[in-house]
């Protein structure tokens, strides 16, 4: 299997797939070995909703190595329509126009190019809902 195909097949990274506790119904993202709420080790697959609202955010102006060309960019905590919260990059919007409570939707976007080979890595980001 090629490296790009391997990355595309990672469910939690590419399709917002995770797990839901069979005992208490708590959704863990990313997936973990034990439920954070009740400690159970019994899970069922769960696909997160692709819509939510922005709860909090920060504008990154001094990025880590490899992401300097992207600055400034917005990182936000999004509450999905099922109540799960995730931390994601907010895209397709000027950072000055980002507001708490704005409705968002998931999109598939480029994250970076890896090493000298230039393999492009993609992941889910969120943008203002259309």
C-alpha atoms as a PDB file:
ATOM      1  CA  UNK A   1       0.000   0.000   0.000  1.00  0.00           C
ATOM      2  CA  UNK A   2       1.328   3.442  -0.906  1.00  0.00           C
ATOM      3  CA  UNK A   3       1.946   6.033   1.800  1.00  0.00           C
ATOM      4  CA  UNK A   4      -0.734   8.452   0.485  1.00  0.00           C
ATOM      5  CA  UNK A   5      -3.331   5.654   0.418  1.00  0.00           C
ATOM      6  CA  UNK A   6      -2.347   4.622   3.964  1.00  0.00           C
ATOM      7  CA  UNK A   7      -3.002   8.166   5.256  1.00  0.00           C
ATOM      8  CA  UNK A   8      -6.293   8.427   3.353  1.00  0.00           C
ATOM      9  CA  UNK A   9      -7.489   5.210   4.965  1.00  0.00           C
ATOM     10  CA  UNK A  10      -7.044   6.466   8.526  1.00  0.00           C
ATOM     11  CA  UNK A  11     -10.682   6.773   9.661  1.00  0.00           C
ATOM     12  CA  UNK A  12     -10.230   9.232  12.533  1.00  0.00           C
ATOM     13  CA  UNK A  13      -8.152  11.563  10.389  1.00  0.00           C
ATOM     14  CA  UNK A  14     -10.083  11.494   7.155  1.00  0.00           C
ATOM     15  CA  UNK A  15     -13.695  10.565   7.902  1.00  0.00           C
ATOM     16  CA  UNK A  16     -14.377  11.738  11.462  1.00  0.00           C
ATOM     17  CA  UNK A  17     -14.834   8.139  12.577  1.00  0.00           C
ATOM     18  CA  UNK A  18     -14.345   7.311  16.225  1.00  0.00           C
ATOM     19  CA  UNK A  19     -15.974   5.181  18.908  1.00  0.00           C
ATOM     20  CA  UNK A  20     -18.939   5.314  21.245  1.00  0.00           C
ATOM     21  CA  UNK A  21     -19.004   3.582  24.628  1.00  0.00           C
ATOM     22  CA  UNK A  22     -21.465   0.685  24.675  1.00  0.00           C
ATOM     23  CA  UNK A  23     -22.010   1.099  28.419  1.00  0.00           C
ATOM     24  CA  UNK A  24     -22.668   4.841  28.852  1.00  0.00           C
ATOM     25  CA  UNK A  25     -22.906   6.212  25.287  1.00  0.00           C
ATOM     26  CA  UNK A  26     -19.990   8.649  25.687  1.00  0.00           C
ATOM     27  CA  UNK A  27     -18.190   9.511  22.436  1.00  0.00           C
ATOM     28  CA  UNK A  28     -14.375   9.599  22.600  1.00  0.00           C
ATOM     29  CA  UNK A  29     -12.450  11.503  19.942  1.00  0.00           C
ATOM     30  CA  UNK A  30      -9.821  10.533  19.206  1.00  0.00           C
ATOM     31  CA  UNK A  31     -10.498   6.888  20.080  1.00  0.00           C
ATOM     32  CA  UNK A  32      -9.023   5.631  23.357  1.00  0.00           C
ATOM     33  CA  UNK A  33      -8.554   2.295  25.100  1.00  0.00           C
ATOM     34  CA  UNK A  34     -10.994   3.155  27.899  1.00  0.00           C
ATOM     35  CA  UNK A  35     -14.028   5.394  28.055  1.00  0.00           C
ATOM     36  CA  UNK A  36     -13.127   8.712  29.690  1.00  0.00           C
ATOM     37  CA  UNK A  37     -16.521   8.836  31.404  1.00  0.00           C
ATOM     38  CA  UNK A  38     -17.072   5.331  32.824  1.00  0.00           C
ATOM     39  CA  UNK A  39     -13.828   3.414  32.179  1.00  0.00           C
ATOM     40  CA  UNK A  40     -15.446   0.750  29.994  1.00  0.00           C
ATOM     41  CA  UNK A  41     -13.363  -0.959  27.308  1.00  0.00           C
ATOM     42  CA  UNK A  42     -16.364  -1.847  25.145  1.00  0.00           C
ATOM     43  CA  UNK A  43     -16.994   0.389  22.133  1.00  0.00           C
ATOM     44  CA  UNK A  44     -18.940   0.501  18.891  1.00  0.00           C
ATOM     45  CA  UNK A  45     -17.850   2.427  15.762  1.00  0.00           C
ATOM     46  CA  UNK A  46     -19.314   5.932  15.523  1.00  0.00           C
ATOM     47  CA  UNK A  47     -19.200   8.576  12.805  1.00  0.00           C
ATOM     48  CA  UNK A  48     -19.152  12.143  14.080  1.00  0.00           C
ATOM     49  CA  UNK A  49     -21.523  14.693  12.547  1.00  0.00           C
ATOM     50  CA  UNK A  50     -20.017  17.056   9.978  1.00  0.00           C
ATOM     51  CA  UNK A  51     -21.677  20.204  11.339  1.00  0.00           C
ATOM     52  CA  UNK A  52     -21.303  22.191  14.518  1.00  0.00           C
ATOM     53  CA  UNK A  53     -20.678  25.607  16.014  1.00  0.00           C
ATOM     54  CA  UNK A  54     -17.534  27.379  17.139  1.00  0.00           C
ATOM     55  CA  UNK A  55     -17.164  27.475  20.927  1.00  0.00           C
ATOM     56  CA  UNK A  56     -13.705  29.057  21.237  1.00  0.00           C
ATOM     57  CA  UNK A  57     -10.757  29.876  18.997  1.00  0.00           C
ATOM     58  CA  UNK A  58      -7.270  31.299  18.739  1.00  0.00           C
ATOM     59  CA  UNK A  59      -5.378  32.815  15.837  1.00  0.00           C
ATOM     60  CA  UNK A  60      -1.946  31.235  15.324  1.00  0.00           C
ATOM     61  CA  UNK A  61       0.564  33.796  14.119  1.00  0.00           C
ATOM     62  CA  UNK A  62       3.763  31.979  15.107  1.00  0.00           C
ATOM     63  CA  UNK A  63       3.398  28.463  13.751  1.00  0.00           C
ATOM     64  CA  UNK A  64       5.369  25.313  14.474  1.00  0.00           C
ATOM     65  CA  UNK A  65       7.968  24.114  11.983  1.00  0.00           C
ATOM     66  CA  UNK A  66       6.408  23.125   8.677  1.00  0.00           C
ATOM     67  CA  UNK A  67       3.336  25.333   9.065  1.00  0.00           C
ATOM     68  CA  UNK A  68       4.956  28.780   8.800  1.00  0.00           C
ATOM     69  CA  UNK A  69       3.516  29.436   5.333  1.00  0.00           C
ATOM     70  CA  UNK A  70      -0.025  28.980   6.629  1.00  0.00           C
ATOM     71  CA  UNK A  71       0.018  31.782   9.194  1.00  0.00           C
ATOM     72  CA  UNK A  72      -2.093  33.343  10.345  1.00  0.00           C
ATOM     73  CA  UNK A  73      -4.553  30.478  10.785  1.00  0.00           C
ATOM     74  CA  UNK A  74      -7.392  29.751  13.178  1.00  0.00           C
ATOM     75  CA  UNK A  75      -7.615  26.807  15.575  1.00  0.00           C
ATOM     76  CA  UNK A  76     -10.986  26.304  17.164  1.00  0.00           C
ATOM     77  CA  UNK A  77     -12.961  24.156  19.546  1.00  0.00           C
ATOM     78  CA  UNK A  78     -16.085  23.038  17.705  1.00  0.00           C
ATOM     79  CA  UNK A  79     -19.153  21.577  19.371  1.00  0.00           C
ATOM     80  CA  UNK A  80     -20.639  19.153  16.881  1.00  0.00           C
ATOM     81  CA  UNK A  81     -24.383  18.715  16.510  1.00  0.00           C
ATOM     82  CA  UNK A  82     -24.279  15.619  18.768  1.00  0.00           C
ATOM     83  CA  UNK A  83     -22.524  17.535  21.589  1.00  0.00           C
ATOM     84  CA  UNK A  84     -19.024  16.134  21.007  1.00  0.00           C
ATOM     85  CA  UNK A  85     -16.271  18.762  21.045  1.00  0.00           C
ATOM     86  CA  UNK A  86     -13.193  18.596  18.831  1.00  0.00           C
ATOM     87  CA  UNK A  87     -10.222  20.854  18.188  1.00  0.00           C
ATOM     88  CA  UNK A  88      -9.748  21.619  14.490  1.00  0.00           C
ATOM     89  CA  UNK A  89      -8.385  24.202  12.106  1.00  0.00           C
ATOM     90  CA  UNK A  90     -10.934  26.694  10.767  1.00  0.00           C
ATOM     91  CA  UNK A  91     -10.447  27.400   7.052  1.00  0.00           C
ATOM     92  CA  UNK A  92     -11.905  29.369   4.142  1.00  0.00           C
ATOM     93  CA  UNK A  93     -12.464  32.483   6.273  1.00  0.00           C
ATOM     94  CA  UNK A  94     -10.436  35.570   7.128  1.00  0.00           C
ATOM     95  CA  UNK A  95      -9.308  35.258  10.778  1.00  0.00           C
ATOM     96  CA  UNK A  96     -10.792  38.699  11.530  1.00  0.00           C
ATOM     97  CA  UNK A  97     -14.268  37.413  10.547  1.00  0.00           C
ATOM     98  CA  UNK A  98     -14.303  34.392  12.887  1.00  0.00           C
ATOM     99  CA  UNK A  99     -16.863  34.650  15.687  1.00  0.00           C
ATOM    100  CA  UNK A 100     -17.940  32.490  18.616  1.00  0.00           C
ATOM    101  CA  UNK A 101     -21.124  30.599  17.805  1.00  0.00           C
ATOM    102  CA  UNK A 102     -20.667  30.675  14.033  1.00  0.00           C
ATOM    103  CA  UNK A 103     -22.063  27.568  12.294  1.00  0.00           C
ATOM    104  CA  UNK A 104     -19.402  25.364  10.717  1.00  0.00           C
ATOM    105  CA  UNK A 105     -19.180  22.353   8.413  1.00  0.00           C
ATOM    106  CA  UNK A 106     -16.439  19.795   7.801  1.00  0.00           C
ATOM    107  CA  UNK A 107     -14.318  19.938   4.643  1.00  0.00           C
ATOM    108  CA  UNK A 108     -11.353  17.918   3.379  1.00  0.00           C
ATOM    109  CA  UNK A 109      -8.279  20.133   2.968  1.00  0.00           C
ATOM    110  CA  UNK A 110      -4.516  20.003   2.503  1.00  0.00           C
ATOM    111  CA  UNK A 111      -2.541  20.080   5.735  1.00  0.00           C
ATOM    112  CA  UNK A 112       1.063  20.019   4.528  1.00  0.00           C
ATOM    113  CA  UNK A 113       3.649  18.455   2.248  1.00  0.00           C
ATOM    114  CA  UNK A 114       5.784  15.801   3.896  1.00  0.00           C
ATOM    115  CA  UNK A 115       9.550  15.886   3.538  1.00  0.00           C
ATOM    116  CA  UNK A 116      11.603  15.949   0.367  1.00  0.00           C
ATOM    117  CA  UNK A 117       9.201  13.599  -1.435  1.00  0.00           C
ATOM    118  CA  UNK A 118       6.482  16.236  -1.266  1.00  0.00           C
ATOM    119  CA  UNK A 119       3.718  13.807  -0.320  1.00  0.00           C
ATOM    120  CA  UNK A 120       0.642  15.920   0.343  1.00  0.00           C
ATOM    121  CA  UNK A 121      -1.206  15.163   3.581  1.00  0.00           C
ATOM    122  CA  UNK A 122      -4.913  15.928   3.932  1.00  0.00           C
ATOM    123  CA  UNK A 123      -7.291  16.019   6.878  1.00  0.00           C
ATOM    124  CA  UNK A 124     -10.628  17.375   8.008  1.00  0.00           C
ATOM    125  CA  UNK A 125     -10.881  21.097   8.710  1.00  0.00           C
ATOM    126  CA  UNK A 126     -14.020  23.140   9.339  1.00  0.00           C
ATOM    127  CA  UNK A 127     -15.282  26.185   7.443  1.00  0.00           C
ATOM    128  CA  UNK A 128     -18.244  28.524   7.856  1.00  0.00           C
ATOM    129  CA  UNK A 129     -21.382  26.580   6.904  1.00  0.00           C
ATOM    130  CA  UNK A 130     -22.847  27.466   3.530  1.00  0.00           C
END
